[in-house]
Amino acid sequence: CVASGFIFRIYSMGWYRQAPGKQRELVAAISSEGTTNYADSVKG
């Protein structure tokens, strides 16, 4: 994901996904400091 139009390094970022017929869900996120968290379904 290439970002532009804001100061990328100071913002937390995330990946979400949406399967057909389902709600959009968080897959993984990363803070500006590099701390990460994951949905249980994708951990590891």
All heavy atoms as atom14 arrays in JSON, in Angstrom:
{
  "sequence": "CVASGFIFRIYSMGWYRQAPGKQRELVAAISSEGTTNYADSVKG",
  "atom14_mask": [
    [1, 1, 1, 1, 1, 1, 0, 0, 0, 0, 0, 0, 0, 0],
    [1, 1, 1, 1, 1, 1, 1, 0, 0, 0, 0, 0, 0, 0],
    [1, 1, 1, 1, 1, 0, 0, 0, 0, 0, 0, 0, 0, 0],
    [1, 1, 1, 1, 1, 1, 0, 0, 0, 0, 0, 0, 0, 0],
    [1, 1, 1, 1, 0, 0, 0, 0, 0, 0, 0, 0, 0, 0],
    [1, 1, 1, 1, 1, 1, 1, 1, 1, 1, 1, 0, 0, 0],
    [1, 1, 1, 1, 1, 1, 1, 1, 0, 0, 0, 0, 0, 0],
    [1, 1, 1, 1, 1, 1, 1, 1, 1, 1, 1, 0, 0, 0],
    [1, 1, 1, 1, 1, 1, 1, 1, 1, 1, 1, 0, 0, 0],
    [1, 1, 1, 1, 1, 1, 1, 1, 0, 0, 0, 0, 0, 0],
    [1, 1, 1, 1, 1, 1, 1, 1, 1, 1, 1, 1, 0, 0],
    [1, 1, 1, 1, 1, 1, 0, 0, 0, 0, 0, 0, 0, 0],
    [1, 1, 1, 1, 1, 1, 1, 1, 0, 0, 0, 0, 0, 0],
    [1, 1, 1, 1, 0, 0, 0, 0, 0, 0, 0, 0, 0, 0],
    [1, 1, 1, 1, 1, 1, 1, 1, 1, 1, 1, 1, 1, 1],
    [1, 1, 1, 1, 1, 1, 1, 1, 1, 1, 1, 1, 0, 0],
    [1, 1, 1, 1, 1, 1, 1, 1, 1, 1, 1, 0, 0, 0],
    [1, 1, 1, 1, 1, 1, 1, 1, 1, 0, 0, 0, 0, 0],
    [1, 1, 1, 1, 1, 0, 0, 0, 0, 0, 0, 0, 0, 0],
    [1, 1, 1, 1, 1, 1, 1, 0, 0, 0, 0, 0, 0, 0],
    [1, 1, 1, 1, 0, 0, 0, 0, 0, 0, 0, 0, 0, 0],
    [1, 1, 1, 1, 1, 1, 1, 1, 1, 0, 0, 0, 0, 0],
    [1, 1, 1, 1, 1, 1, 1, 1, 1, 0, 0, 0, 0, 0],
    [1, 1, 1, 1, 1, 1, 1, 1, 1, 1, 1, 0, 0, 0],
    [1, 1, 1, 1, 1, 1, 1, 1, 1, 0, 0, 0, 0, 0],
    [1, 1, 1, 1, 1, 1, 1, 1, 0, 0, 0, 0, 0, 0],
    [1, 1, 1, 1, 1, 1, 1, 0, 0, 0, 0, 0, 0, 0],
    [1, 1, 1, 1, 1, 0, 0, 0, 0, 0, 0, 0, 0, 0],
    [1, 1, 1, 1, 1, 0, 0, 0, 0, 0, 0, 0, 0, 0],
    [1, 1, 1, 1, 1, 1, 1, 1, 0, 0, 0, 0, 0, 0],
    [1, 1, 1, 1, 1, 1, 0, 0, 0, 0, 0, 0, 0, 0],
    [1, 1, 1, 1, 1, 1, 0, 0, 0, 0, 0, 0, 0, 0],
    [1, 1, 1, 1, 1, 1, 1, 1, 1, 0, 0, 0, 0, 0],
    [1, 1, 1, 1, 0, 0, 0, 0, 0, 0, 0, 0, 0, 0],
    [1, 1, 1, 1, 1, 1, 1, 0, 0, 0, 0, 0, 0, 0],
    [1, 1, 1, 1, 1, 1, 1, 0, 0, 0, 0, 0, 0, 0],
    [1, 1, 1, 1, 1, 1, 1, 1, 0, 0, 0, 0, 0, 0],
    [1, 1, 1, 1, 1, 1, 1, 1, 1, 1, 1, 1, 0, 0],
    [1, 1, 1, 1, 1, 0, 0, 0, 0, 0, 0, 0, 0, 0],
    [1, 1, 1, 1, 1, 1, 1, 1, 0, 0, 0, 0, 0, 0],
    [1, 1, 1, 1, 1, 1, 0, 0, 0, 0, 0, 0, 0, 0],
    [1, 1, 1, 1, 1, 1, 1, 0, 0, 0, 0, 0, 0, 0],
    [1, 1, 1, 1, 1, 1, 1, 1, 1, 0, 0, 0, 0, 0],
    [1, 1, 1, 1, 0, 0, 0, 0, 0, 0, 0, 0, 0, 0]
  ],
  "atom14_positions": [
    [[0.87, -1.18, 0.0], [0.0, 0.0, 0.0], [0.91, 1.22, 0.0], [1.66, 1.44, 0.97], [-0.9, -0.01, 1.22], [-1.82, 1.53, 1.48], [0.0, 0.0, 0.0], [0.0, 0.0, 0.0], [0.0, 0.0, 0.0], [0.0, 0.0, 0.0], [0.0, 0.0, 0.0], [0.0, 0.0, 0.0], [0.0, 0.0, 0.0], [0.0, 0.0, 0.0]],
    [[0.84, 1.99, -1.07], [1.63, 3.21, -1.17], [0.75, 4.38, -0.74], [-0.35, 4.57, -1.28], [2.17, 3.43, -2.58], [2.93, 4.75, -2.66], [3.06, 2.27, -3.0], [0.0, 0.0, 0.0], [0.0, 0.0, 0.0], [0.0, 0.0, 0.0], [0.0, 0.0, 0.0], [0.0, 0.0, 0.0], [0.0, 0.0, 0.0], [0.0, 0.0, 0.0]],
    [[1.23, 5.15, 0.23], [0.45, 6.24, 0.81], [1.02, 7.59, 0.39], [2.23, 7.74, 0.17], [0.48, 6.13, 2.33], [0.0, 0.0, 0.0], [0.0, 0.0, 0.0], [0.0, 0.0, 0.0], [0.0, 0.0, 0.0], [0.0, 0.0, 0.0], [0.0, 0.0, 0.0], [0.0, 0.0, 0.0], [0.0, 0.0, 0.0], [0.0, 0.0, 0.0]],
    [[0.13, 8.56, 0.28], [0.54, 9.92, -0.03], [-0.47, 10.9, 0.53], [-1.6, 10.53, 0.86], [0.7, 10.12, -1.54], [-0.52, 9.88, -2.21], [0.0, 0.0, 0.0], [0.0, 0.0, 0.0], [0.0, 0.0, 0.0], [0.0, 0.0, 0.0], [0.0, 0.0, 0.0], [0.0, 0.0, 0.0], [0.0, 0.0, 0.0], [0.0, 0.0, 0.0]],
    [[-0.05, 12.17, 0.65], [-0.97, 13.21, 1.09], [-1.01, 13.42, 2.6], [-1.8, 14.25, 3.07], [0.0, 0.0, 0.0], [0.0, 0.0, 0.0], [0.0, 0.0, 0.0], [0.0, 0.0, 0.0], [0.0, 0.0, 0.0], [0.0, 0.0, 0.0], [0.0, 0.0, 0.0], [0.0, 0.0, 0.0], [0.0, 0.0, 0.0], [0.0, 0.0, 0.0]],
    [[-0.19, 12.69, 3.35], [-0.11, 12.89, 4.79], [1.26, 12.42, 5.27], [2.01, 11.79, 4.51], [-1.23, 12.13, 5.52], [-1.19, 10.63, 5.38], [-0.68, 9.82, 6.38], [-1.67, 10.01, 4.23], [-0.65, 8.44, 6.25], [-1.64, 8.64, 4.07], [-1.13, 7.85, 5.09], [0.0, 0.0, 0.0], [0.0, 0.0, 0.0], [0.0, 0.0, 0.0]],
    [[1.59, 12.75, 6.53], [2.9, 12.39, 7.08], [2.83, 10.94, 7.55], [2.47, 10.64, 8.69], [3.31, 13.32, 8.23], [3.27, 14.78, 7.74], [4.71, 12.98, 8.72], [3.49, 15.79, 8.84], [0.0, 0.0, 0.0], [0.0, 0.0, 0.0], [0.0, 0.0, 0.0], [0.0, 0.0, 0.0], [0.0, 0.0, 0.0], [0.0, 0.0, 0.0]],
    [[3.19, 10.04, 6.64], [3.0, 8.6, 6.84], [3.58, 8.1, 8.16], [2.94, 7.34, 8.88], [3.65, 7.87, 5.66], [3.56, 6.37, 5.72], [2.4, 5.71, 5.34], [4.65, 5.62, 6.11], [2.32, 4.33, 5.37], [4.59, 4.24, 6.15], [3.42, 3.59, 5.78], [0.0, 0.0, 0.0], [0.0, 0.0, 0.0], [0.0, 0.0, 0.0]],
    [[4.77, 8.57, 8.5], [5.52, 7.97, 9.62], [4.87, 8.2, 10.97], [5.19, 7.51, 11.93], [6.96, 8.49, 9.63], [7.06, 10.0, 9.81], [8.51, 10.46, 9.79], [8.61, 11.91, 9.74], [8.48, 12.7, 10.79], [8.25, 12.17, 11.99], [8.59, 14.01, 10.67], [0.0, 0.0, 0.0], [0.0, 0.0, 0.0], [0.0, 0.0, 0.0]],
    [[3.95, 9.14, 11.08], [3.38, 9.45, 12.41], [2.02, 8.8, 12.63], [1.42, 8.98, 13.7], [3.3, 10.97, 12.65], [2.26, 11.63, 11.75], [4.66, 11.62, 12.5], [2.02, 13.1, 12.09], [0.0, 0.0, 0.0], [0.0, 0.0, 0.0], [0.0, 0.0, 0.0], [0.0, 0.0, 0.0], [0.0, 0.0, 0.0], [0.0, 0.0, 0.0]],
    [[1.54, 8.06, 11.63], [0.2, 7.47, 11.74], [0.25, 5.95, 11.86], [1.04, 5.29, 11.19], [-0.65, 7.83, 10.53], [-1.14, 9.25, 10.55], [-0.39, 10.27, 9.96], [-2.34, 9.58, 11.17], [-0.83, 11.58, 9.99], [-2.79, 10.88, 11.2], [-2.03, 11.88, 10.61], [-2.46, 13.18, 10.65], [0.0, 0.0, 0.0], [0.0, 0.0, 0.0]],
    [[-0.63, 5.41, 12.7], [-0.88, 3.98, 12.69], [-1.57, 3.61, 11.39], [-2.36, 4.4, 10.85], [-1.76, 3.58, 13.87], [-1.11, 3.82, 15.1], [0.0, 0.0, 0.0], [0.0, 0.0, 0.0], [0.0, 0.0, 0.0], [0.0, 0.0, 0.0], [0.0, 0.0, 0.0], [0.0, 0.0, 0.0], [0.0, 0.0, 0.0], [0.0, 0.0, 0.0]],
    [[-1.27, 2.42, 10.91], [-1.85, 1.95, 9.65], [-2.44, 0.56, 9.85], [-2.03, -0.18, 10.75], [-0.76, 1.86, 8.56], [-0.06, 3.17, 8.24], [-1.13, 4.35, 7.4], [-1.53, 3.46, 5.9], [0.0, 0.0, 0.0], [0.0, 0.0, 0.0], [0.0, 0.0, 0.0], [0.0, 0.0, 0.0], [0.0, 0.0, 0.0], [0.0, 0.0, 0.0]],
    [[-3.37, 0.2, 8.99], [-3.98, -1.11, 9.12], [-4.32, -1.74, 7.79], [-4.44, -1.06, 6.77], [0.0, 0.0, 0.0], [0.0, 0.0, 0.0], [0.0, 0.0, 0.0], [0.0, 0.0, 0.0], [0.0, 0.0, 0.0], [0.0, 0.0, 0.0], [0.0, 0.0, 0.0], [0.0, 0.0, 0.0], [0.0, 0.0, 0.0], [0.0, 0.0, 0.0]],
    [[-4.45, -3.06, 7.84], [-4.99, -3.84, 6.74], [-6.32, -4.43, 7.19], [-6.4, -5.03, 8.26], [-4.05, -4.96, 6.33], [-2.86, -4.54, 5.55], [-1.59, -4.37, 6.0], [-2.82, -4.25, 4.15], [-0.75, -3.98, 4.98], [-1.49, -3.9, 3.82], [-3.78, -4.24, 3.13], [-1.09, -3.56, 2.53], [-3.38, -3.91, 1.85], [-2.06, -3.56, 1.56]],
    [[-7.33, -4.28, 6.36], [-8.64, -4.87, 6.59], [-8.97, -5.76, 5.39], [-8.35, -5.65, 4.34], [-9.71, -3.78, 6.71], [-9.72, -3.05, 8.03], [-8.7, -2.18, 8.36], [-10.77, -3.23, 8.92], [-8.71, -1.5, 9.58], [-10.81, -2.56, 10.14], [-9.78, -1.7, 10.45], [-9.8, -1.03, 11.65], [0.0, 0.0, 0.0], [0.0, 0.0, 0.0]],
    [[-9.97, -6.6, 5.58], [-10.44, -7.4, 4.45], [-11.96, -7.57, 4.53], [-12.55, -7.48, 5.6], [-9.77, -8.77, 4.41], [-10.13, -9.7, 5.56], [-9.28, -10.96, 5.49], [-9.59, -11.89, 6.57], [-8.9, -12.99, 6.82], [-7.84, -13.32, 6.05], [-9.24, -13.78, 7.82], [0.0, 0.0, 0.0], [0.0, 0.0, 0.0], [0.0, 0.0, 0.0]],
    [[-12.53, -7.79, 3.37], [-13.97, -8.0, 3.3], [-14.25, -9.12, 2.32], [-13.95, -9.0, 1.13], [-14.7, -6.73, 2.89], [-16.21, -6.84, 2.97], [-16.91, -5.51, 2.91], [-16.35, -4.51, 2.46], [-18.14, -5.46, 3.38], [0.0, 0.0, 0.0], [0.0, 0.0, 0.0], [0.0, 0.0, 0.0], [0.0, 0.0, 0.0], [0.0, 0.0, 0.0]],
    [[-14.82, -10.19, 2.84], [-15.22, -11.32, 2.01], [-16.66, -11.12, 1.57], [-17.43, -10.39, 2.23], [-15.07, -12.61, 2.79], [0.0, 0.0, 0.0], [0.0, 0.0, 0.0], [0.0, 0.0, 0.0], [0.0, 0.0, 0.0], [0.0, 0.0, 0.0], [0.0, 0.0, 0.0], [0.0, 0.0, 0.0], [0.0, 0.0, 0.0], [0.0, 0.0, 0.0]],
    [[-17.07, -11.75, 0.47], [-18.45, -11.59, -0.02], [-19.47, -11.94, 1.07], [-19.37, -12.99, 1.71], [-18.53, -12.57, -1.18], [-17.12, -12.69, -1.66], [-16.28, -12.6, -0.43], [0.0, 0.0, 0.0], [0.0, 0.0, 0.0], [0.0, 0.0, 0.0], [0.0, 0.0, 0.0], [0.0, 0.0, 0.0], [0.0, 0.0, 0.0], [0.0, 0.0, 0.0]],
    [[-20.41, -11.03, 1.29], [-21.47, -11.28, 2.26], [-21.06, -11.1, 3.71], [-21.86, -11.37, 4.61], [0.0, 0.0, 0.0], [0.0, 0.0, 0.0], [0.0, 0.0, 0.0], [0.0, 0.0, 0.0], [0.0, 0.0, 0.0], [0.0, 0.0, 0.0], [0.0, 0.0, 0.0], [0.0, 0.0, 0.0], [0.0, 0.0, 0.0], [0.0, 0.0, 0.0]],
    [[-19.85, -10.64, 3.93], [-19.38, -10.48, 5.3], [-18.97, -9.04, 5.56], [-18.73, -8.26, 4.63], [-18.19, -11.41, 5.57], [-18.55, -12.89, 5.53], [-17.39, -13.74, 6.0], [-17.76, -15.22, 6.05], [-16.63, -16.05, 6.55], [0.0, 0.0, 0.0], [0.0, 0.0, 0.0], [0.0, 0.0, 0.0], [0.0, 0.0, 0.0], [0.0, 0.0, 0.0]],
    [[-18.87, -8.7, 6.84], [-18.44, -7.36, 7.21], [-16.92, -7.22, 7.04], [-16.18, -8.19, 7.1], [-18.81, -7.08, 8.67], [-20.29, -6.86, 8.9], [-20.59, -6.38, 10.32], [-19.88, -6.69, 11.25], [-21.65, -5.59, 10.45], [0.0, 0.0, 0.0], [0.0, 0.0, 0.0], [0.0, 0.0, 0.0], [0.0, 0.0, 0.0], [0.0, 0.0, 0.0]],
    [[-16.51, -5.98, 6.83], [-15.09, -5.7, 6.76], [-14.47, -5.95, 8.14], [-15.05, -5.54, 9.16], [-14.85, -4.26, 6.31], [-13.45, -3.95, 5.86], [-13.36, -2.58, 5.21], [-14.12, -2.53, 3.96], [-14.07, -1.52, 3.1], [-13.28, -0.48, 3.37], [-14.78, -1.54, 2.0], [0.0, 0.0, 0.0], [0.0, 0.0, 0.0], [0.0, 0.0, 0.0]],
    [[-13.31, -6.59, 8.17], [-12.69, -6.92, 9.44], [-11.21, -6.55, 9.44], [-10.55, -6.56, 8.4], [-12.82, -8.43, 9.74], [-12.13, -9.34, 8.73], [-12.17, -10.8, 9.12], [-12.72, -11.15, 10.16], [-11.62, -11.62, 8.35], [0.0, 0.0, 0.0], [0.0, 0.0, 0.0], [0.0, 0.0, 0.0], [0.0, 0.0, 0.0], [0.0, 0.0, 0.0]],
    [[-10.73, -6.22, 10.64], [-9.31, -5.91, 10.8], [-8.48, -7.18, 10.66], [-8.78, -8.19, 11.29], [-9.06, -5.27, 12.16], [-7.6, -4.99, 12.52], [-7.03, -3.9, 11.61], [-7.48, -4.59, 13.98], [0.0, 0.0, 0.0], [0.0, 0.0, 0.0], [0.0, 0.0, 0.0], [0.0, 0.0, 0.0], [0.0, 0.0, 0.0], [0.0, 0.0, 0.0]],
    [[-7.43, -7.1, 9.85], [-6.5, -8.2, 9.69], [-5.25, -7.96, 10.53], [-4.82, -8.82, 11.28], [-6.11, -8.36, 8.21], [-5.04, -9.44, 8.04], [-7.33, -8.68, 7.36], [0.0, 0.0, 0.0], [0.0, 0.0, 0.0], [0.0, 0.0, 0.0], [0.0, 0.0, 0.0], [0.0, 0.0, 0.0], [0.0, 0.0, 0.0], [0.0, 0.0, 0.0]],
    [[-4.68, -6.77, 10.39], [-3.45, -6.45, 11.11], [-3.29, -4.95, 11.16], [-3.78, -4.23, 10.28], [-2.23, -7.08, 10.42], [0.0, 0.0, 0.0], [0.0, 0.0, 0.0], [0.0, 0.0, 0.0], [0.0, 0.0, 0.0], [0.0, 0.0, 0.0], [0.0, 0.0, 0.0], [0.0, 0.0, 0.0], [0.0, 0.0, 0.0], [0.0, 0.0, 0.0]],
    [[-2.58, -4.48, 12.19], [-2.33, -3.05, 12.33], [-0.92, -2.84, 12.84], [-0.34, -3.72, 13.49], [-3.34, -2.42, 13.28], [0.0, 0.0, 0.0], [0.0, 0.0, 0.0], [0.0, 0.0, 0.0], [0.0, 0.0, 0.0], [0.0, 0.0, 0.0], [0.0, 0.0, 0.0], [0.0, 0.0, 0.0], [0.0, 0.0, 0.0], [0.0, 0.0, 0.0]],
    [[-0.38, -1.67, 12.54], [0.96, -1.33, 12.99], [0.96, 0.13, 13.42], [0.45, 1.0, 12.71], [2.0, -1.62, 11.89], [3.42, -1.39, 12.41], [1.73, -0.82, 10.62], [4.5, -1.97, 11.5], [0.0, 0.0, 0.0], [0.0, 0.0, 0.0], [0.0, 0.0, 0.0], [0.0, 0.0, 0.0], [0.0, 0.0, 0.0], [0.0, 0.0, 0.0]],
    [[1.53, 0.39, 14.59], [1.57, 1.76, 15.09], [2.73, 2.52, 14.45], [3.56, 1.95, 13.73], [1.75, 1.75, 16.61], [3.07, 1.34, 16.94], [0.0, 0.0, 0.0], [0.0, 0.0, 0.0], [0.0, 0.0, 0.0], [0.0, 0.0, 0.0], [0.0, 0.0, 0.0], [0.0, 0.0, 0.0], [0.0, 0.0, 0.0], [0.0, 0.0, 0.0]],
    [[2.79, 3.81, 14.73], [3.88, 4.62, 14.2], [5.23, 4.15, 14.75], [6.26, 4.32, 14.1], [3.66, 6.09, 14.52], [3.56, 6.28, 15.92], [0.0, 0.0, 0.0], [0.0, 0.0, 0.0], [0.0, 0.0, 0.0], [0.0, 0.0, 0.0], [0.0, 0.0, 0.0], [0.0, 0.0, 0.0], [0.0, 0.0, 0.0], [0.0, 0.0, 0.0]],
    [[5.22, 3.55, 15.94], [6.46, 3.03, 16.55], [6.79, 1.62, 16.1], [7.84, 1.09, 16.45], [6.35, 3.05, 18.08], [6.22, 4.45, 18.68], [4.78, 4.93, 18.71], [3.88, 4.13, 18.39], [4.56, 6.1, 19.05], [0.0, 0.0, 0.0], [0.0, 0.0, 0.0], [0.0, 0.0, 0.0], [0.0, 0.0, 0.0], [0.0, 0.0, 0.0]],
    [[5.89, 0.99, 15.37], [6.14, -0.35, 14.87], [5.51, -1.47, 15.67], [5.73, -2.65, 15.36], [0.0, 0.0, 0.0], [0.0, 0.0, 0.0], [0.0, 0.0, 0.0], [0.0, 0.0, 0.0], [0.0, 0.0, 0.0], [0.0, 0.0, 0.0], [0.0, 0.0, 0.0], [0.0, 0.0, 0.0], [0.0, 0.0, 0.0], [0.0, 0.0, 0.0]],
    [[4.71, -1.13, 16.66], [3.98, -2.16, 17.4], [2.89, -2.75, 16.52], [2.15, -2.01, 15.87], [3.35, -1.56, 18.67], [4.38, -1.0, 19.49], [2.62, -2.63, 19.46], [0.0, 0.0, 0.0], [0.0, 0.0, 0.0], [0.0, 0.0, 0.0], [0.0, 0.0, 0.0], [0.0, 0.0, 0.0], [0.0, 0.0, 0.0], [0.0, 0.0, 0.0]],
    [[2.8, -4.06, 16.52], [1.85, -4.75, 15.63], [0.8, -5.51, 16.42], [1.01, -5.91, 17.57], [2.58, -5.73, 14.71], [3.29, -6.69, 15.5], [3.58, -5.0, 13.81], [0.0, 0.0, 0.0], [0.0, 0.0, 0.0], [0.0, 0.0, 0.0], [0.0, 0.0, 0.0], [0.0, 0.0, 0.0], [0.0, 0.0, 0.0], [0.0, 0.0, 0.0]],
    [[-0.35, -5.7, 15.8], [-1.34, -6.62, 16.32], [-2.08, -7.27, 15.16], [-2.17, -6.69, 14.07], [-2.29, -5.95, 17.32], [-3.17, -4.91, 16.69], [-4.2, -5.22, 16.1], [-2.8, -3.65, 16.81], [0.0, 0.0, 0.0], [0.0, 0.0, 0.0], [0.0, 0.0, 0.0], [0.0, 0.0, 0.0], [0.0, 0.0, 0.0], [0.0, 0.0, 0.0]],
    [[-2.59, -8.47, 15.41], [-3.17, -9.3, 14.37], [-4.49, -9.9, 14.81], [-4.69, -10.2, 15.98], [-2.21, -10.44, 14.02], [-0.88, -9.99, 13.46], [0.2, -9.76, 14.3], [-0.7, -9.8, 12.09], [1.42, -9.33, 13.81], [0.52, -9.38, 11.58], [1.57, -9.15, 12.44], [2.78, -8.73, 11.94], [0.0, 0.0, 0.0], [0.0, 0.0, 0.0]],
    [[-5.34, -10.14, 13.84], [-6.53, -10.94, 14.1], [-6.07, -12.35, 14.44], [-5.08, -12.85, 13.89], [-7.44, -10.95, 12.88], [0.0, 0.0, 0.0], [0.0, 0.0, 0.0], [0.0, 0.0, 0.0], [0.0, 0.0, 0.0], [0.0, 0.0, 0.0], [0.0, 0.0, 0.0], [0.0, 0.0, 0.0], [0.0, 0.0, 0.0], [0.0, 0.0, 0.0]],
    [[-6.81, -13.01, 15.32], [-6.44, -14.37, 15.72], [-6.36, -15.3, 14.52], [-5.52, -16.21, 14.49], [-7.46, -14.92, 16.73], [-7.33, -14.27, 18.1], [-6.29, -13.65, 18.37], [-8.28, -14.39, 18.89], [0.0, 0.0, 0.0], [0.0, 0.0, 0.0], [0.0, 0.0, 0.0], [0.0, 0.0, 0.0], [0.0, 0.0, 0.0], [0.0, 0.0, 0.0]],
    [[-7.19, -15.08, 13.54], [-7.26, -15.97, 12.38], [-6.02, -15.92, 11.49], [-5.81, -16.82, 10.68], [-8.49, -15.63, 11.53], [-8.43, -14.28, 11.09], [0.0, 0.0, 0.0], [0.0, 0.0, 0.0], [0.0, 0.0, 0.0], [0.0, 0.0, 0.0], [0.0, 0.0, 0.0], [0.0, 0.0, 0.0], [0.0, 0.0, 0.0], [0.0, 0.0, 0.0]],
    [[-5.19, -14.88, 11.65], [-4.0, -14.76, 10.79], [-2.7, -14.78, 11.57], [-1.62, -14.75, 10.96], [-4.06, -13.49, 9.92], [-5.37, -13.42, 9.15], [-3.87, -12.23, 10.76], [0.0, 0.0, 0.0], [0.0, 0.0, 0.0], [0.0, 0.0, 0.0], [0.0, 0.0, 0.0], [0.0, 0.0, 0.0], [0.0, 0.0, 0.0], [0.0, 0.0, 0.0]],
    [[-2.78, -14.85, 12.89], [-1.55, -14.85, 13.7], [-0.65, -16.01, 13.31], [-1.12, -17.14, 13.15], [-1.9, -14.94, 15.19], [-2.32, -13.63, 15.8], [-2.63, -13.79, 17.28], [-3.09, -12.47, 17.89], [-3.48, -12.63, 19.31], [0.0, 0.0, 0.0], [0.0, 0.0, 0.0], [0.0, 0.0, 0.0], [0.0, 0.0, 0.0], [0.0, 0.0, 0.0]],
    [[0.64, -15.71, 13.16], [1.6, -16.74, 12.78], [1.69, -16.98, 11.29], [2.58, -17.7, 10.83], [0.0, 0.0, 0.0], [0.0, 0.0, 0.0], [0.0, 0.0, 0.0], [0.0, 0.0, 0.0], [0.0, 0.0, 0.0], [0.0, 0.0, 0.0], [0.0, 0.0, 0.0], [0.0, 0.0, 0.0], [0.0, 0.0, 0.0], [0.0, 0.0, 0.0]]
  ]
}
